[in-house]
Amino acid sequence: MQSPSDIAVSVRGLSKAYTIAHHGQKHVTLAEQMLSRLRRPFQRAATETFWALKDVEFDIKKGDVVGIIGRNGAGKSTLLKILSRITEPTTGEIRLYGRIGSLLEVGTGFHPELTGRENIYLNGQILGMRRKEIDKQFDAIVDFAGVEKFLDTPVKRYSSGMYVRLAFAVAAHLESEILIVDEVLAVGDGEFQKRCLGKMKDVATSGRTVLFVSHSMQAVSTLCDKTLMLHEGGVGFSGGVRDGVSRYLDATGTTFCQPGVTGATRPGSGEYRFVFAEAARACFDPVDDKIVRFAIRRQGNPLGQIYVSALMTNAMGIAVAQFDSRLVGTWLSDAGAYAGELCFRSPWPKPGAYQMDLYICAAGGIIDRLDAACRFEVSDRLPYPFASSSDGYQLGTVLPDFSWQIMNCEASGNPDYALGDSR
């Protein structure tokens, strides 16, 4: 059994119940509500008990970066609020071994009439930072937020982007042993989300314990080394990232569909539609030509030149490769129907499950998008001449075609070569 010195968070028998009231009749106006109360003064609304969490138990070791995943309503936010001491559990206990910091809602505690400088100190203290810590982190917070010119301007005059950047910067510079993060990477524009992700990577590699809630499986796969999946208020899975993400995708119904998907109402303007798509085989070896066959039918007015594209993702939802027909000079004109295939030879995909999303596009945008058009497996028959343990190829998303050339300098009679001296 692990000693408390190994544990950052310990949860035992944790449950949280809410009482939900059901009114038999809805009242539109205040007068209707008062009249109903006078007519039935002793009537009470029917209630039921909803268990947001029930008998949740888990341990998180110090230094672990855990992705907490699950469908909407699974109990993720309730769990984080209890861990952050925002709400009390109905039953059970939690033990936290270390100072805790929370990024549950970016911008909580900002006052619109105060300046950016004043809000940094106000928000920092609300989040649990001491004034000396804020002084120490002040320049880093301002630099990350990019609001140096507007520090002494009331935040009510900030743009929404500036407001969010400053709020995240304050919260992200908390110095705590345990950090709880809830969907903060979903705010701001694309560039800012990349900066947030970079900051979270720094936090994740700093040795601190991180609990990270997100619906982005790519972010979870990038940042986390373990997953905790909640399902209907209980623990559905606890373990590695790959297995956790796969179970999440199965539970949400966003995994791969079966081959042979036919056309239907989908995103896009609809002048052309995919009416058929399948992988040539259910399983390929890594070095095989991977072939996806498809058929397209025109269902509207001609558009001139169009092109097709495909996006391959792995079982964790991470994009592995994009195949755009424009890059190889393949365009379609205005025929009524097409039959074709995509064949790719490299990169070599790693063993596992993959799916293809297919697109028909024109200069004006997307004409048809067929998500999860087909799926296929890649076998574990590695394309290398010598066997190796999995740590020789477990990192990355593809298997590279490579070689090494290394010279024995002493055997060559030129021992100085290794020092960069080739005389």
Protein backbone atom coordinates (compact mmCIF):
# COMPACT_ATOMS: atom_id res chain seq x y z
CA MET A 1 0.00 0.00 0.00
CA GLN A 2 1.27 3.44 -0.89
CA SER A 3 2.17 5.75 1.97
CA PRO A 4 0.63 9.25 2.20
CA SER A 5 4.00 10.66 1.11
CA ASP A 6 3.35 9.19 -2.35
CA ILE A 7 -0.20 10.55 -2.62
CA ALA A 8 -1.36 14.03 -3.62
CA VAL A 9 -5.13 13.42 -3.70
CA SER A 10 -7.05 10.60 -1.99
CA VAL A 11 -10.82 10.25 -2.43
CA ARG A 12 -12.94 7.65 -0.60
CA GLY A 13 -16.68 7.01 -0.87
CA LEU A 14 -17.33 10.47 -2.31
CA SER A 15 -20.96 11.23 -3.18
CA LYS A 16 -22.84 14.43 -3.91
CA ALA A 17 -26.63 14.71 -4.05
CA TYR A 18 -28.79 17.58 -5.26
CA THR A 19 -32.51 18.06 -4.70
CA ILE A 20 -34.46 18.83 -7.87
CA ALA A 21 -37.89 20.43 -7.62
CA HIS A 22 -40.60 19.73 -10.21
CA HIS A 23 -43.47 22.21 -10.54
CA GLY A 24 -46.64 20.81 -11.99
CA GLN A 25 -47.64 24.10 -13.64
CA LYS A 26 -45.45 26.85 -15.04
CA HIS A 27 -46.44 30.49 -14.49
CA VAL A 28 -45.59 33.11 -17.06
CA THR A 29 -46.28 36.20 -14.96
CA LEU A 30 -45.83 37.16 -11.32
CA ALA A 31 -49.59 37.68 -11.00
CA GLU A 32 -50.27 34.11 -12.11
CA GLN A 33 -47.73 32.80 -9.62
CA MET A 34 -49.28 34.80 -6.73
CA LEU A 35 -52.81 33.72 -7.67
CA SER A 36 -51.76 30.07 -7.76
CA ARG A 37 -50.10 30.44 -4.34
CA LEU A 38 -53.33 31.95 -2.89
CA ARG A 39 -55.48 29.18 -4.36
CA ARG A 40 -53.17 26.37 -3.17
CA PRO A 41 -51.24 27.73 -0.17
CA PHE A 42 -50.12 24.30 1.06
CA GLN A 43 -49.09 22.83 -2.27
CA ARG A 44 -45.43 21.89 -2.44
CA ALA A 45 -43.38 21.12 -5.50
CA ALA A 46 -42.50 17.48 -6.06
CA THR A 47 -38.83 16.78 -5.51
CA GLU A 48 -36.34 14.10 -6.41
CA THR A 49 -32.76 13.41 -5.41
CA PHE A 50 -30.13 13.52 -8.13
CA TRP A 51 -26.73 11.99 -7.38
CA ALA A 52 -24.13 13.92 -9.34
CA LEU A 53 -21.42 11.72 -7.80
CA LYS A 54 -21.86 8.35 -6.13
CA ASP A 55 -19.22 6.29 -4.30
CA VAL A 56 -16.24 7.77 -6.15
CA GLU A 57 -12.86 6.46 -5.04
CA PHE A 58 -9.39 7.06 -6.45
CA ASP A 59 -5.82 8.05 -5.56
CA ILE A 60 -3.59 10.43 -7.50
CA LYS A 61 0.15 10.26 -6.92
CA LYS A 62 2.32 13.32 -6.54
CA GLY A 63 3.60 14.56 -9.90
CA ASP A 64 0.85 12.83 -11.91
CA VAL A 65 -0.89 14.80 -14.66
CA VAL A 66 -4.37 13.31 -14.83
CA GLY A 67 -6.96 14.04 -17.51
CA ILE A 68 -10.48 13.89 -16.05
CA ILE A 69 -12.79 13.03 -18.91
CA GLY A 70 -16.40 12.00 -19.44
CA ARG A 71 -19.61 13.04 -21.13
CA ASN A 72 -21.52 16.16 -20.13
CA GLY A 73 -23.28 15.44 -16.84
CA ALA A 74 -20.82 12.73 -15.82
CA GLY A 75 -19.88 14.67 -12.66
CA LYS A 76 -16.54 16.24 -13.66
CA SER A 77 -17.29 19.82 -12.62
CA THR A 78 -18.95 18.67 -9.39
CA LEU A 79 -15.84 16.68 -8.50
CA LEU A 80 -13.56 19.65 -9.14
CA LYS A 81 -15.74 21.98 -7.06
CA ILE A 82 -15.58 19.56 -4.15
CA LEU A 83 -11.82 19.17 -4.49
CA SER A 84 -11.51 22.97 -4.62
CA ARG A 85 -13.66 23.30 -1.48
CA ILE A 86 -16.29 25.34 -3.32
CA THR A 87 -19.01 22.89 -2.35
CA GLU A 88 -19.27 20.18 0.31
CA PRO A 89 -19.77 16.48 -0.42
CA THR A 90 -22.89 14.71 0.78
CA THR A 91 -20.90 11.71 1.97
CA GLY A 92 -17.31 10.51 1.80
CA GLU A 93 -13.98 12.22 2.31
CA ILE A 94 -11.11 13.74 0.39
CA ARG A 95 -7.54 14.19 1.54
CA LEU A 96 -5.28 16.70 -0.17
CA TYR A 97 -1.55 16.52 0.53
CA GLY A 98 -0.36 19.93 -0.61
CA ARG A 99 -1.51 23.43 -1.37
CA ILE A 100 -4.21 23.51 -4.05
CA GLY A 101 -4.86 26.05 -6.79
CA SER A 102 -7.85 26.11 -9.15
CA LEU A 103 -8.50 27.41 -12.64
CA LEU A 104 -12.20 26.59 -12.73
CA GLU A 105 -13.61 29.69 -14.33
CA VAL A 106 -11.32 32.19 -16.00
CA GLY A 107 -12.01 35.74 -14.84
CA THR A 108 -13.80 34.97 -11.57
CA GLY A 109 -13.04 37.77 -9.13
CA PHE A 110 -12.22 40.49 -11.66
CA HIS A 111 -13.77 43.87 -10.91
CA PRO A 112 -14.62 45.93 -14.01
CA GLU A 113 -13.94 49.30 -12.34
CA LEU A 114 -10.43 48.36 -11.23
CA THR A 115 -7.36 48.62 -13.44
CA GLY A 116 -5.50 45.65 -14.83
CA ARG A 117 -2.75 46.17 -12.22
CA GLU A 118 -5.27 46.24 -9.35
CA ASN A 119 -7.11 43.20 -10.65
CA ILE A 120 -3.89 41.18 -10.82
CA TYR A 121 -3.45 41.65 -7.07
CA LEU A 122 -7.16 41.23 -6.28
CA ASN A 123 -7.60 38.11 -8.39
CA GLY A 124 -4.31 36.63 -7.24
CA GLN A 125 -5.32 36.92 -3.59
CA ILE A 126 -8.75 35.42 -4.35
CA LEU A 127 -6.99 32.46 -5.97
CA GLY A 128 -4.81 31.98 -2.91
CA MET A 129 -1.57 33.78 -3.80
CA ARG A 130 0.26 35.81 -1.18
CA ARG A 131 1.26 39.37 -2.05
CA LYS A 132 4.95 38.41 -2.17
CA GLU A 133 4.12 35.68 -4.68
CA ILE A 134 2.16 38.13 -6.82
CA ASP A 135 5.07 40.60 -6.71
CA LYS A 136 7.41 37.82 -7.79
CA GLN A 137 5.16 36.71 -10.66
CA PHE A 138 3.89 40.17 -11.68
CA ASP A 139 6.20 40.75 -14.65
CA ALA A 140 5.64 37.20 -15.95
CA ILE A 141 1.86 37.65 -15.69
CA VAL A 142 1.93 40.94 -17.57
CA ASP A 143 4.28 39.58 -20.23
CA PHE A 144 2.13 36.49 -20.80
CA ALA A 145 -1.09 38.53 -21.01
CA GLY A 146 0.44 41.15 -23.34
CA VAL A 147 -1.40 44.06 -21.66
CA GLU A 148 1.56 46.13 -20.45
CA LYS A 149 0.33 49.30 -22.18
CA PHE A 150 -3.07 49.02 -20.52
CA LEU A 151 -2.11 48.05 -16.96
CA ASP A 152 -3.54 51.24 -15.48
CA THR A 153 -6.74 51.16 -17.56
CA PRO A 154 -9.97 49.82 -15.98
CA VAL A 155 -10.62 46.32 -17.30
CA LYS A 156 -14.16 47.31 -18.31
CA ARG A 157 -12.47 49.03 -21.27
CA TYR A 158 -10.53 45.90 -22.23
CA SER A 159 -11.52 43.87 -25.24
CA SER A 160 -12.84 40.40 -24.44
CA GLY A 161 -9.54 38.93 -25.65
CA MET A 162 -7.44 41.14 -23.36
CA TYR A 163 -9.70 40.33 -20.43
CA VAL A 164 -9.39 36.57 -20.96
CA ARG A 165 -5.61 36.76 -21.48
CA LEU A 166 -5.08 38.63 -18.23
CA ALA A 167 -7.41 36.35 -16.27
CA PHE A 168 -5.67 33.20 -17.51
CA ALA A 169 -2.23 34.69 -16.92
CA VAL A 170 -3.00 35.34 -13.26
CA ALA A 171 -4.46 31.88 -12.68
CA ALA A 172 -1.75 30.05 -14.63
CA HIS A 173 1.04 31.53 -12.51
CA LEU A 174 -0.26 30.07 -9.26
CA GLU A 175 2.51 28.34 -7.32
CA SER A 176 0.74 25.34 -5.78
CA GLU A 177 1.54 21.66 -5.33
CA ILE A 178 -1.84 20.61 -6.77
CA LEU A 179 -3.39 22.44 -9.70
CA ILE A 180 -6.98 21.91 -10.89
CA VAL A 181 -7.79 23.07 -14.42
CA ASP A 182 -11.29 23.03 -15.95
CA GLU A 183 -11.60 23.66 -19.70
CA VAL A 184 -9.59 26.91 -19.65
CA LEU A 185 -8.01 26.01 -22.99
CA ALA A 186 -11.39 26.47 -24.66
CA VAL A 187 -11.29 30.28 -24.28
CA GLY A 188 -9.76 32.91 -26.53
CA ASP A 189 -8.69 32.76 -30.15
CA GLY A 190 -6.58 30.07 -31.77
CA GLU A 191 -3.25 31.81 -31.12
CA PHE A 192 -4.06 32.35 -27.47
CA GLN A 193 -5.20 28.74 -27.05
CA LYS A 194 -1.77 27.64 -28.33
CA ARG A 195 -0.10 29.86 -25.74
CA CYS A 196 -2.37 28.43 -23.03
CA LEU A 197 -1.48 24.91 -24.13
CA GLY A 198 2.21 25.79 -24.02
CA LYS A 199 1.85 27.19 -20.51
CA MET A 200 -0.03 24.10 -19.38
CA LYS A 201 2.77 21.92 -20.78
CA ASP A 202 5.23 23.88 -18.64
CA VAL A 203 3.03 23.29 -15.58
CA ALA A 204 2.63 19.61 -16.44
CA THR A 205 6.40 19.08 -16.67
CA SER A 206 7.24 21.04 -13.53
CA GLY A 207 6.60 18.12 -11.17
CA ARG A 208 3.34 19.48 -9.82
CA THR A 209 0.20 17.36 -9.60
CA VAL A 210 -2.34 18.47 -12.20
CA LEU A 211 -6.00 17.51 -12.63
CA PHE A 212 -7.07 18.62 -16.08
CA VAL A 213 -10.69 18.48 -17.28
CA SER A 214 -11.25 18.79 -21.02
CA HIS A 215 -13.43 17.51 -23.86
CA SER A 216 -10.44 17.89 -26.19
CA MET A 217 -8.88 14.46 -26.43
CA GLN A 218 -5.93 15.94 -28.29
CA ALA A 219 -5.18 18.26 -25.37
CA VAL A 220 -5.59 15.39 -22.89
CA SER A 221 -3.30 13.17 -24.97
CA THR A 222 -0.69 15.94 -25.21
CA LEU A 223 -0.66 17.05 -21.58
CA CYS A 224 -1.59 14.05 -19.45
CA ASP A 225 0.05 10.78 -18.49
CA LYS A 226 -3.07 9.22 -16.89
CA THR A 227 -6.83 9.50 -17.23
CA LEU A 228 -9.80 9.25 -14.89
CA MET A 229 -13.07 8.80 -16.77
CA LEU A 230 -16.32 9.54 -14.96
CA HIS A 231 -19.50 7.83 -16.11
CA GLU A 232 -22.93 8.65 -14.64
CA GLY A 233 -21.39 9.93 -11.41
CA GLY A 234 -18.98 7.05 -10.87
CA VAL A 235 -15.49 6.08 -11.95
CA GLY A 236 -15.79 4.37 -15.33
CA PHE A 237 -12.05 3.96 -15.91
CA SER A 238 -8.75 4.84 -14.30
CA GLY A 239 -5.48 4.20 -16.09
CA GLY A 240 -3.37 5.11 -19.10
CA VAL A 241 -4.17 7.88 -21.54
CA ARG A 242 -4.54 5.69 -24.63
CA ASP A 243 -7.07 3.32 -23.02
CA GLY A 244 -8.90 6.17 -21.30
CA VAL A 245 -9.33 8.17 -24.48
CA SER A 246 -10.50 5.08 -26.39
CA ARG A 247 -13.12 4.37 -23.73
CA TYR A 248 -14.26 8.00 -23.78
CA LEU A 249 -14.69 7.93 -27.55
CA ASP A 250 -16.66 4.69 -27.27
CA ALA A 251 -18.88 6.16 -24.54
CA THR A 252 -19.64 9.36 -26.45
CA GLY A 253 -20.38 7.59 -29.71
CA THR A 254 -17.72 9.61 -31.53
CA THR A 255 -15.61 6.66 -32.54
CA PHE A 256 -15.35 5.20 -35.96
CA CYS A 257 -18.42 4.18 -37.92
CA GLN A 258 -18.55 1.10 -40.09
CA PRO A 259 -17.30 1.14 -43.70
CA GLY A 260 -19.72 1.80 -46.51
CA VAL A 261 -21.35 4.98 -45.18
CA THR A 262 -23.93 6.36 -47.60
CA GLY A 263 -24.75 9.99 -48.29
CA ALA A 264 -27.04 11.96 -45.97
CA THR A 265 -27.63 15.52 -44.84
CA ARG A 266 -24.23 16.71 -43.68
CA PRO A 267 -22.26 19.95 -43.33
CA GLY A 268 -21.49 21.75 -46.57
CA SER A 269 -23.36 23.45 -49.38
CA GLY A 270 -24.38 20.06 -50.81
CA GLU A 271 -23.86 20.42 -54.58
CA TYR A 272 -21.82 17.19 -54.38
CA ARG A 273 -22.04 14.38 -51.85
CA PHE A 274 -20.03 11.31 -50.97
CA VAL A 275 -22.32 8.35 -51.52
CA PHE A 276 -19.83 5.61 -50.66
CA ALA A 277 -16.56 5.25 -48.78
CA GLU A 278 -14.59 2.29 -47.49
CA ALA A 279 -11.07 1.12 -46.72
CA ALA A 280 -9.77 -1.48 -49.16
CA ARG A 281 -8.91 -3.78 -46.25
CA ALA A 282 -9.88 -3.94 -42.61
CA CYS A 283 -6.24 -4.27 -41.57
CA PHE A 284 -2.99 -3.11 -43.19
CA ASP A 285 0.62 -3.70 -42.27
CA PRO A 286 2.47 -0.42 -41.57
CA VAL A 287 4.39 -0.51 -44.87
CA ASP A 288 1.38 -1.49 -47.02
CA ASP A 289 -0.26 0.95 -49.40
CA LYS A 290 -3.31 2.14 -47.50
CA ILE A 291 -6.22 2.56 -49.92
CA VAL A 292 -9.53 4.31 -49.32
CA ARG A 293 -12.17 4.03 -52.04
CA PHE A 294 -15.01 6.49 -52.49
CA ALA A 295 -17.80 7.59 -54.82
CA ILE A 296 -19.19 11.10 -55.36
CA ARG A 297 -22.47 12.16 -56.98
CA ARG A 298 -23.54 15.64 -58.05
CA GLN A 299 -26.78 16.74 -56.40
CA GLY A 300 -26.94 20.38 -57.41
CA ASN A 301 -25.69 22.95 -59.89
CA PRO A 302 -22.20 22.65 -61.43
CA LEU A 303 -19.50 24.61 -59.57
CA GLY A 304 -16.47 24.47 -61.83
CA GLN A 305 -13.31 23.00 -60.35
CA ILE A 306 -13.54 21.21 -57.02
CA TYR A 307 -11.07 19.14 -55.03
CA VAL A 308 -11.12 16.45 -52.37
CA SER A 309 -9.25 16.13 -49.09
CA ALA A 310 -8.91 13.59 -46.29
CA LEU A 311 -7.88 13.79 -42.66
CA MET A 312 -6.55 10.71 -40.88
CA THR A 313 -6.88 10.59 -37.09
CA ASN A 314 -5.87 7.91 -34.61
CA ALA A 315 -7.97 6.37 -31.84
CA MET A 316 -7.04 9.24 -29.51
CA GLY A 317 -8.51 11.80 -31.90
CA ILE A 318 -5.10 13.19 -32.85
CA ALA A 319 -4.64 14.24 -36.48
CA VAL A 320 -1.90 12.12 -38.07
CA ALA A 321 -1.91 13.35 -41.68
CA GLN A 322 -3.89 15.41 -44.19
CA PHE A 323 -4.18 14.41 -47.85
CA ASP A 324 -5.28 17.29 -50.09
CA SER A 325 -5.71 16.56 -53.80
CA ARG A 326 -4.58 20.09 -54.74
CA LEU A 327 -1.05 19.30 -53.54
CA VAL A 328 -0.67 16.62 -56.20
CA GLY A 329 -2.54 18.50 -58.92
CA THR A 330 -5.78 16.49 -58.79
CA TRP A 331 -8.92 18.50 -59.52
CA LEU A 332 -12.48 17.49 -60.40
CA SER A 333 -14.63 19.21 -63.03
CA ASP A 334 -18.42 19.08 -63.32
CA ALA A 335 -19.16 15.44 -64.04
CA GLY A 336 -22.32 13.96 -62.58
CA ALA A 337 -20.50 11.19 -60.71
CA TYR A 338 -17.00 10.12 -59.72
CA ALA A 339 -15.39 6.98 -58.38
CA GLY A 340 -11.88 7.19 -56.98
CA GLU A 341 -9.40 6.12 -54.38
CA LEU A 342 -6.81 7.65 -52.12
CA CYS A 343 -3.57 5.69 -51.75
CA PHE A 344 -0.85 6.68 -49.33
CA ARG A 345 2.44 4.95 -48.67
CA SER A 346 4.01 7.10 -46.00
CA PRO A 347 4.17 8.00 -43.23
CA TRP A 348 3.97 4.52 -41.77
CA PRO A 349 1.17 4.61 -39.19
CA LYS A 350 1.88 3.06 -35.82
CA PRO A 351 -0.13 -0.05 -34.86
CA GLY A 352 -3.69 0.82 -33.86
CA ALA A 353 -7.05 2.01 -35.17
CA TYR A 354 -7.51 4.93 -37.58
CA GLN A 355 -10.34 6.76 -39.24
CA MET A 356 -10.63 8.93 -42.34
CA ASP A 357 -12.74 12.09 -42.59
CA LEU A 358 -13.44 13.02 -46.22
CA TYR A 359 -14.10 16.47 -47.69
CA ILE A 360 -15.26 17.89 -51.01
CA CYS A 361 -14.28 21.54 -51.34
CA ALA A 362 -14.30 24.48 -53.73
CA ALA A 363 -12.94 28.00 -53.58
CA GLY A 364 -16.09 29.07 -51.72
CA GLY A 365 -15.68 26.53 -48.91
CA ILE A 366 -16.78 23.03 -47.95
CA ILE A 367 -19.29 21.27 -50.22
CA ASP A 368 -19.51 18.03 -48.27
CA ARG A 369 -17.90 16.70 -45.10
CA LEU A 370 -18.18 13.03 -44.26
CA ASP A 371 -16.81 12.46 -40.77
CA ALA A 372 -15.61 8.95 -39.92
CA ALA A 373 -16.10 7.91 -43.53
CA CYS A 374 -14.21 4.68 -42.91
CA ARG A 375 -11.91 2.99 -40.45
CA PHE A 376 -9.08 0.53 -40.61
CA GLU A 377 -6.52 -1.10 -38.35
CA VAL A 378 -2.75 -1.15 -38.68
CA SER A 379 -1.07 -4.36 -37.53
CA ASP A 380 1.78 -4.63 -35.06
CA ARG A 381 4.09 -6.12 -37.68
CA LEU A 382 6.89 -3.59 -37.37
CA PRO A 383 8.81 -2.63 -40.55
CA TYR A 384 12.23 -2.97 -38.92
CA PRO A 385 14.72 -5.85 -39.24
CA PHE A 386 15.36 -6.26 -35.49
CA ALA A 387 12.98 -6.71 -32.57
CA SER A 388 12.87 -4.11 -29.81
CA SER A 389 10.92 -3.39 -26.65
CA SER A 390 8.03 -0.94 -27.02
CA ASP A 391 10.07 1.96 -25.63
CA GLY A 392 11.92 1.96 -28.95
CA TYR A 393 8.86 3.20 -30.85
CA GLN A 394 6.16 4.25 -28.38
CA LEU A 395 6.63 8.02 -28.81
CA GLY A 396 5.22 9.96 -31.74
CA THR A 397 2.29 9.12 -34.02
CA VAL A 398 4.10 7.48 -36.95
CA LEU A 399 6.90 4.99 -37.63
CA PRO A 400 9.77 6.72 -39.46
CA ASP A 401 11.79 5.23 -42.31
CA PHE A 402 15.32 5.95 -41.11
CA SER A 403 18.89 4.74 -40.83
CA TRP A 404 21.91 5.52 -38.68
CA GLN A 405 25.50 5.89 -39.85
CA ILE A 406 28.01 5.98 -36.99
CA MET A 407 31.79 5.74 -37.42
CA ASN A 408 34.17 4.10 -34.97
CA CYS A 409 36.79 6.87 -34.89
CA GLU A 410 39.49 4.81 -33.22
CA ALA A 411 39.06 1.93 -35.66
CA SER A 412 39.28 4.38 -38.55
CA GLY A 413 42.64 5.64 -37.32
CA ASN A 414 41.28 9.14 -36.76
CA PRO A 415 40.35 9.44 -33.06
CA ASP A 416 40.11 13.25 -33.28
CA TYR A 417 37.20 13.00 -35.72
CA ALA A 418 34.72 12.68 -32.85
CA LEU A 419 35.89 16.06 -31.57
CA GLY A 420 35.10 17.72 -34.86
CA ASP A 421 38.73 17.77 -35.99
CA SER A 422 38.98 15.94 -39.33
CA ARG A 423 42.62 16.85 -40.04
